[in-house]
PDB file of N, CA and C in Angstrom:
ATOM      1  N   MET A   1      68.790-134.990  63.359  1.00  0.00           N
ATOM      2  CA  MET A   1      68.338-135.076  64.725  1.00  0.00           C
ATOM      3  C   MET A   1      67.920-136.509  65.043  1.00  0.00           C
ATOM      4  N   ASN A   2      68.158-136.927  66.240  1.00  0.00           N
ATOM      5  CA  ASN A   2      67.726-138.234  66.710  1.00  0.00           C
ATOM      6  C   ASN A   2      66.232-138.162  67.042  1.00  0.00           C
ATOM      7  N   GLN A   3      65.401-138.809  66.234  1.00  0.00           N
ATOM      8  CA  GLN A   3      63.952-138.747  66.407  1.00  0.00           C
ATOM      9  C   GLN A   3      63.483-139.461  67.669  1.00  0.00           C
ATOM     10  N   ASN A   4      64.318-140.298  68.268  1.00  0.00           N
ATOM     11  CA  ASN A   4      63.933-141.022  69.479  1.00  0.00           C
ATOM     12  C   ASN A   4      64.144-140.194  70.739  1.00  0.00           C
ATOM     13  N   LYS A   5      64.962-139.184  70.667  1.00  0.00           N
ATOM     14  CA  LYS A   5      65.273-138.350  71.829  1.00  0.00           C
ATOM     15  C   LYS A   5      64.560-137.004  71.664  1.00  0.00           C
ATOM     16  N   PRO A   6      63.808-136.561  72.681  1.00  0.00           N
ATOM     17  CA  PRO A   6      63.159-135.248  72.577  1.00  0.00           C
ATOM     18  C   PRO A   6      64.198-134.141  72.404  1.00  0.00           C
ATOM     19  N   LEU A   7      63.903-133.188  71.540  1.00  0.00           N
ATOM     20  CA  LEU A   7      64.799-132.051  71.328  1.00  0.00           C
ATOM     21  C   LEU A   7      64.748-131.108  72.511  1.00  0.00           C
ATOM     22  N   THR A   8      65.888-130.511  72.817  1.00  0.00           N
ATOM     23  CA  THR A   8      65.974-129.465  73.836  1.00  0.00           C
ATOM     24  C   THR A   8      66.423-128.181  73.157  1.00  0.00           C
ATOM     25  N   LEU A   9      66.341-127.086  73.884  1.00  0.00           N
ATOM     26  CA  LEU A   9      66.811-125.807  73.352  1.00  0.00           C
ATOM     27  C   LEU A   9      68.303-125.880  73.023  1.00  0.00           C
ATOM     28  N   ASN A  10      69.084-126.562  73.858  1.00  0.00           N
ATOM     29  CA  ASN A  10      70.511-126.731  73.562  1.00  0.00           C
ATOM     30  C   ASN A  10      70.712-127.431  72.220  1.00  0.00           C
ATOM     31  N   ASP A  11      69.860-128.425  71.898  1.00  0.00           N
ATOM     32  CA  ASP A  11      69.956-129.120  70.622  1.00  0.00           C
ATOM     33  C   ASP A  11      69.714-128.179  69.449  1.00  0.00           C
ATOM     34  N   ILE A  12      68.649-127.390  69.539  1.00  0.00           N
ATOM     35  CA  ILE A  12      68.315-126.563  68.380  1.00  0.00           C
ATOM     36  C   ILE A  12      69.281-125.402  68.201  1.00  0.00           C
ATOM     37  N   THR A  13      69.783-124.839  69.308  1.00  0.00           N
ATOM     38  CA  THR A  13      70.721-123.723  69.151  1.00  0.00           C
ATOM     39  C   THR A  13      72.081-124.182  68.643  1.00  0.00           C
ATOM     40  N   SER A  14      72.402-125.456  68.832  1.00  0.00           N
ATOM     41  CA  SER A  14      73.701-125.943  68.368  1.00  0.00           C
ATOM     42  C   SER A  14      73.643-126.505  66.938  1.00  0.00           C
ATOM     43  N   THR A  15      72.426-126.753  66.414  1.00  0.00           N
ATOM     44  CA  THR A  15      72.336-127.403  65.109  1.00  0.00           C
ATOM     45  C   THR A  15      71.593-126.617  64.044  1.00  0.00           C
ATOM     46  N   MET A  16      70.938-125.512  64.391  1.00  0.00           N
ATOM     47  CA  MET A  16      70.188-124.755  63.388  1.00  0.00           C
ATOM     48  C   MET A  16      70.172-123.275  63.730  1.00  0.00           C
ATOM     49  N   HIS A  17      69.812-122.476  62.740  1.00  0.00           N
ATOM     50  CA  HIS A  17      69.690-121.035  62.952  1.00  0.00           C
ATOM     51  C   HIS A  17      68.501-120.773  63.855  1.00  0.00           C
ATOM     52  N   THR A  18      68.670-119.939  64.859  1.00  0.00           N
ATOM     53  CA  THR A  18      67.596-119.636  65.792  1.00  0.00           C
ATOM     54  C   THR A  18      67.354-118.136  65.877  1.00  0.00           C
ATOM     55  N   TRP A  19      66.170-117.783  66.337  1.00  0.00           N
ATOM     56  CA  TRP A  19      65.793-116.395  66.562  1.00  0.00           C
ATOM     57  C   TRP A  19      65.264-116.274  67.966  1.00  0.00           C
ATOM     58  N   LYS A  20      65.458-115.090  68.558  1.00  0.00           N
ATOM     59  CA  LYS A  20      64.847-114.811  69.853  1.00  0.00           C
ATOM     60  C   LYS A  20      64.387-113.367  69.856  1.00  0.00           C
ATOM     61  N   SER A  21      63.533-113.060  70.790  1.00  0.00           N
ATOM     62  CA  SER A  21      62.960-111.734  70.877  1.00  0.00           C
ATOM     63  C   SER A  21      64.029-110.676  71.124  1.00  0.00           C
ATOM     64  N   SER A  22      63.859-109.529  70.487  1.00  0.00           N
ATOM     65  CA  SER A  22      64.776-108.406  70.734  1.00  0.00           C
ATOM     66  C   SER A  22      64.559-107.827  72.132  1.00  0.00           C
ATOM     67  N   TYR A  23      63.483-108.198  72.786  1.00  0.00           N
ATOM     68  CA  TYR A  23      63.195-107.735  74.141  1.00  0.00           C
ATOM     69  C   TYR A  23      63.911-108.553  75.210  1.00  0.00           C
ATOM     70  N   SER A  24      64.646-109.572  74.818  1.00  0.00           N
ATOM     71  CA  SER A  24      65.240-110.478  75.797  1.00  0.00           C
ATOM     72  C   SER A  24      66.440-109.890  76.529  1.00  0.00           C
ATOM     73  N   GLY A  25      67.034-108.847  76.022  1.00  0.00           N
ATOM     74  CA  GLY A  25      68.160-108.213  76.693  1.00  0.00           C
ATOM     75  C   GLY A  25      69.481-108.942  76.464  1.00  0.00           C
ATOM     76  N   GLN A  26      70.537-108.427  77.057  1.00  0.00           N
ATOM     77  CA  GLN A  26      71.883-108.973  76.868  1.00  0.00           C
ATOM     78  C   GLN A  26      72.043-110.363  77.472  1.00  0.00           C
ATOM     79  N   ASP A  27      71.337-110.637  78.568  1.00  0.00           N
ATOM     80  CA  ASP A  27      71.479-111.922  79.243  1.00  0.00           C
ATOM     81  C   ASP A  27      70.747-113.046  78.528  1.00  0.00           C
ATOM     82  N   GLY A  28      69.830-112.702  77.622  1.00  0.00           N
ATOM     83  CA  GLY A  28      69.110-113.700  76.854  1.00  0.00           C
ATOM     84  C   GLY A  28      68.024-114.428  77.613  1.00  0.00           C
ATOM     85  N   GLY A  29      67.725-114.015  78.823  1.00  0.00           N
ATOM     86  CA  GLY A  29      66.702-114.696  79.609  1.00  0.00           C
ATOM     87  C   GLY A  29      65.298-114.232  79.290  1.00  0.00           C
ATOM     88  N   ASN A  30      64.334-114.982  79.801  1.00  0.00           N
ATOM     89  CA  ASN A  30      62.925-114.613  79.705  1.00  0.00           C
ATOM     90  C   ASN A  30      62.414-114.442  78.283  1.00  0.00           C
ATOM     91  N   CYS A  31      62.760-115.353  77.401  1.00  0.00           N
ATOM     92  CA  CYS A  31      62.241-115.240  76.046  1.00  0.00           C
ATOM     93  C   CYS A  31      62.092-116.613  75.397  1.00  0.00           C
ATOM     94  N   LEU A  32      61.330-116.631  74.328  1.00  0.00           N
ATOM     95  CA  LEU A  32      61.223-117.826  73.502  1.00  0.00           C
ATOM     96  C   LEU A  32      62.329-117.802  72.465  1.00  0.00           C
ATOM     97  N   VAL A  33      62.831-118.963  72.141  1.00  0.00           N
ATOM     98  CA  VAL A  33      63.817-119.111  71.077  1.00  0.00           C
ATOM     99  C   VAL A  33      63.194-120.033  70.037  1.00  0.00           C
ATOM    100  N   VAL A  34      63.270-119.627  68.769  1.00  0.00           N
ATOM    101  CA  VAL A  34      62.672-120.408  67.692  1.00  0.00           C
ATOM    102  C   VAL A  34      63.766-120.863  66.747  1.00  0.00           C
ATOM    103  N   GLY A  35      63.788-122.159  66.455  1.00  0.00           N
ATOM    104  CA  GLY A  35      64.709-122.739  65.482  1.00  0.00           C
ATOM    105  C   GLY A  35      63.902-123.290  64.320  1.00  0.00           C
ATOM    106  N   ALA A  36      64.394-123.115  63.103  1.00  0.00           N
ATOM    107  CA  ALA A  36      63.633-123.531  61.925  1.00  0.00           C
ATOM    108  C   ALA A  36      64.353-124.605  61.129  1.00  0.00           C
ATOM    109  N   GLU A  37      63.571-125.571  60.681  1.00  0.00           N
ATOM    110  CA  GLU A  37      63.988-126.568  59.715  1.00  0.00           C
ATOM    111  C   GLU A  37      62.979-126.490  58.570  1.00  0.00           C
ATOM    112  N   ALA A  38      63.206-127.215  57.507  1.00  0.00           N
ATOM    113  CA  ALA A  38      62.321-127.135  56.339  1.00  0.00           C
ATOM    114  C   ALA A  38      60.868-127.476  56.678  1.00  0.00           C
ATOM    115  N   ALA A  39      60.636-128.494  57.470  1.00  0.00           N
ATOM    116  CA  ALA A  39      59.272-128.959  57.726  1.00  0.00           C
ATOM    117  C   ALA A  39      58.774-128.680  59.139  1.00  0.00           C
ATOM    118  N   SER A  40      59.578-127.996  59.961  1.00  0.00           N
ATOM    119  CA  SER A  40      59.130-127.771  61.336  1.00  0.00           C
ATOM    120  C   SER A  40      59.836-126.587  61.972  1.00  0.00           C
ATOM    121  N   LEU A  41      59.183-126.051  63.003  1.00  0.00           N
ATOM    122  CA  LEU A  41      59.762-125.010  63.847  1.00  0.00           C
ATOM    123  C   LEU A  41      59.792-125.547  65.266  1.00  0.00           C
ATOM    124  N   HIS A  42      60.860-125.219  65.982  1.00  0.00           N
ATOM    125  CA  HIS A  42      61.051-125.705  67.345  1.00  0.00           C
ATOM    126  C   HIS A  42      61.107-124.483  68.260  1.00  0.00           C
ATOM    127  N   VAL A  43      60.294-124.489  69.305  1.00  0.00           N
ATOM    128  CA  VAL A  43      60.175-123.341  70.194  1.00  0.00           C
ATOM    129  C   VAL A  43      60.567-123.768  71.600  1.00  0.00           C
ATOM    130  N   GLY A  44      61.530-123.028  72.184  1.00  0.00           N
ATOM    131  CA  GLY A  44      62.003-123.352  73.527  1.00  0.00           C
ATOM    132  C   GLY A  44      62.098-122.122  74.406  1.00  0.00           C
ATOM    133  N   ASP A  45      62.274-122.350  75.686  1.00  0.00           N
ATOM    134  CA  ASP A  45      62.365-121.306  76.702  1.00  0.00           C
ATOM    135  C   ASP A  45      63.837-121.059  77.025  1.00  0.00           C
ATOM    136  N   SER A  46      64.279-119.819  76.880  1.00  0.00           N
ATOM    137  CA  SER A  46      65.694-119.504  77.097  1.00  0.00           C
ATOM    138  C   SER A  46      66.133-119.744  78.537  1.00  0.00           C
ATOM    139  N   LYS A  47      65.201-119.729  79.479  1.00  0.00           N
ATOM    140  CA  LYS A  47      65.551-119.973  80.884  1.00  0.00           C
ATOM    141  C   LYS A  47      65.710-121.455  81.183  1.00  0.00           C
ATOM    142  N   ALA A  48      65.299-122.316  80.253  1.00  0.00           N
ATOM    143  CA  ALA A  48      65.330-123.763  80.499  1.00  0.00           C
ATOM    144  C   ALA A  48      65.911-124.488  79.281  1.00  0.00           C
ATOM    145  N   PRO A  49      67.196-124.293  78.998  1.00  0.00           N
ATOM    146  CA  PRO A  49      67.784-124.833  77.769  1.00  0.00           C
ATOM    147  C   PRO A  49      67.863-126.352  77.682  1.00  0.00           C
ATOM    148  N   THR A  50      67.688-127.042  78.819  1.00  0.00           N
ATOM    149  CA  THR A  50      67.750-128.504  78.771  1.00  0.00           C
ATOM    150  C   THR A  50      66.361-129.152  78.757  1.00  0.00           C
ATOM    151  N   ARG A  51      65.316-128.345  78.818  1.00  0.00           N
ATOM    152  CA  ARG A  51      63.956-128.883  78.748  1.00  0.00           C
ATOM    153  C   ARG A  51      63.551-129.094  77.293  1.00  0.00           C
ATOM    154  N   ARG A  52      62.544-129.929  77.092  1.00  0.00           N
ATOM    155  CA  ARG A  52      62.048-130.210  75.747  1.00  0.00           C
ATOM    156  C   ARG A  52      61.512-128.954  75.080  1.00  0.00           C
ATOM    157  N   VAL A  53      61.623-128.906  73.766  1.00  0.00           N
ATOM    158  CA  VAL A  53      61.036-127.819  72.991  1.00  0.00           C
ATOM    159  C   VAL A  53      59.711-128.299  72.399  1.00  0.00           C
ATOM    160  N   ILE A  54      58.887-127.358  71.980  1.00  0.00           N
ATOM    161  CA  ILE A  54      57.645-127.652  71.281  1.00  0.00           C
ATOM    162  C   ILE A  54      57.958-127.605  69.792  1.00  0.00           C
ATOM    163  N   THR A  55      57.519-128.610  69.045  1.00  0.00           N
ATOM    164  CA  THR A  55      57.748-128.665  67.614  1.00  0.00           C
ATOM    165  C   THR A  55      56.409-128.542  66.898  1.00  0.00           C
ATOM    166  N   VAL A  56      56.333-127.598  65.944  1.00  0.00           N
ATOM    167  CA  VAL A  56      55.108-127.359  65.185  1.00  0.00           C
ATOM    168  C   VAL A  56      55.434-127.228  63.699  1.00  0.00           C
ATOM    169  N   THR A  57      54.406-127.349  62.873  1.00  0.00           N
ATOM    170  CA  THR A  57      54.580-127.141  61.437  1.00  0.00           C
ATOM    171  C   THR A  57      54.632-125.643  61.148  1.00  0.00           C
ATOM    172  N   PRO A  58      55.204-125.261  60.002  1.00  0.00           N
ATOM    173  CA  PRO A  58      55.208-123.839  59.648  1.00  0.00           C
ATOM    174  C   PRO A  58      53.800-123.227  59.596  1.00  0.00           C
ATOM    175  N   SER A  59      52.805-123.968  59.102  1.00  0.00           N
ATOM    176  CA  SER A  59      51.451-123.409  59.035  1.00  0.00           C
ATOM    177  C   SER A  59      50.860-123.213  60.434  1.00  0.00           C
ATOM    178  N   THR A  60      51.142-124.121  61.360  1.00  0.00           N
ATOM    179  CA  THR A  60      50.673-123.948  62.736  1.00  0.00           C
ATOM    180  C   THR A  60      51.310-122.718  63.362  1.00  0.00           C
ATOM    181  N   TRP A  61      52.610-122.521  63.136  1.00  0.00           N
ATOM    182  CA  TRP A  61      53.302-121.337  63.663  1.00  0.00           C
ATOM    183  C   TRP A  61      52.708-120.061  63.083  1.00  0.00           C
ATOM    184  N   THR A  62      52.455-120.050  61.774  1.00  0.00           N
ATOM    185  CA  THR A  62      51.867-118.877  61.123  1.00  0.00           C
ATOM    186  C   THR A  62      50.501-118.566  61.724  1.00  0.00           C
ATOM    187  N   ASN A  63      49.675-119.591  61.923  1.00  0.00           N
ATOM    188  CA  ASN A  63      48.356-119.382  62.531  1.00  0.00           C
ATOM    189  C   ASN A  63      48.482-118.834  63.947  1.00  0.00           C
ATOM    190  N   PHE A  64      49.435-119.333  64.717  1.00  0.00           N
ATOM    191  CA  PHE A  64      49.658-118.842  66.075  1.00  0.00           C
ATOM    192  C   PHE A  64      50.053-117.366  66.060  1.00  0.00           C
ATOM    193  N   VAL A  65      51.035-117.016  65.253  1.00  0.00           N
ATOM    194  CA  VAL A  65      51.508-115.629  65.196  1.00  0.00           C
ATOM    195  C   VAL A  65      50.399-114.702  64.708  1.00  0.00           C
ATOM    196  N   THR A  66      49.632-115.144  63.730  1.00  0.00           N
ATOM    197  CA  THR A  66      48.519-114.338  63.234  1.00  0.00           C
ATOM    198  C   THR A  66      47.490-114.091  64.330  1.00  0.00           C
ATOM    199  N   SER A  67      47.169-115.132  65.104  1.00  0.00           N
ATOM    200  CA  SER A  67      46.177-114.955  66.166  1.00  0.00           C
ATOM    201  C   SER A  67      46.704-114.056  67.284  1.00  0.00           C
ATOM    202  N   VAL A  68      47.981-114.160  67.613  1.00  0.00           N
ATOM    203  CA  VAL A  68      48.566-113.301  68.640  1.00  0.00           C
ATOM    204  C   VAL A  68      48.562-111.844  68.195  1.00  0.00           C
ATOM    205  N   ASN A  69      48.786-111.610  66.912  1.00  0.00           N
ATOM    206  CA  ASN A  69      48.831-110.246  66.390  1.00  0.00           C
ATOM    207  C   ASN A  69      47.457-109.670  66.073  1.00  0.00           C
ATOM    208  N   SER A  70      46.403-110.475  66.182  1.00  0.00           N
ATOM    209  CA  SER A  70      45.055-109.987  65.855  1.00  0.00           C
ATOM    210  C   SER A  70      44.542-109.071  66.958  1.00  0.00           C
ATOM    211  N   ASP A  71      43.613-108.229  66.589  1.00  0.00           N
ATOM    212  CA  ASP A  71      42.998-107.296  67.555  1.00  0.00           C
ATOM    213  C   ASP A  71      42.175-108.009  68.604  1.00  0.00           C
ATOM    214  N   ASP A  72      41.746-109.255  68.319  1.00  0.00           N
ATOM    215  CA  ASP A  72      40.884-109.975  69.238  1.00  0.00           C
ATOM    216  C   ASP A  72      41.644-110.750  70.303  1.00  0.00           C
ATOM    217  N   PHE A  73      42.956-110.819  70.215  1.00  0.00           N
ATOM    218  CA  PHE A  73      43.734-111.608  71.173  1.00  0.00           C
ATOM    219  C   PHE A  73      43.638-110.995  72.562  1.00  0.00           C
ATOM    220  N   GLY A  74      43.346-111.828  73.530  1.00  0.00           N
ATOM    221  CA  GLY A  74      43.305-111.379  74.907  1.00  0.00           C
ATOM    222  C   GLY A  74      42.023-110.688  75.330  1.00  0.00           C
ATOM    223  N   ARG A  75      41.024-110.689  74.454  1.00  0.00           N
ATOM    224  CA  ARG A  75      39.752-110.038  74.815  1.00  0.00           C
ATOM    225  C   ARG A  75      38.747-111.034  75.253  1.00  0.00           C
TER     226      ARG A  75
END
């Protein structure tokens, strides 16, 4: 990846394995798409494939998912 150019969803879907929510439907809209590399995860919006993605470390992603799945989320 070119470190000088911000990554977009189009970049990550064309260069790495990605996952998206099973709730996104056949059209693929309205969901997050996650692409993984050894040292980072890239998260983008399926409705905006040319916008920048958010890049986080695997531990940051794990902490995020854990907090979202906790009973205290949203209270």
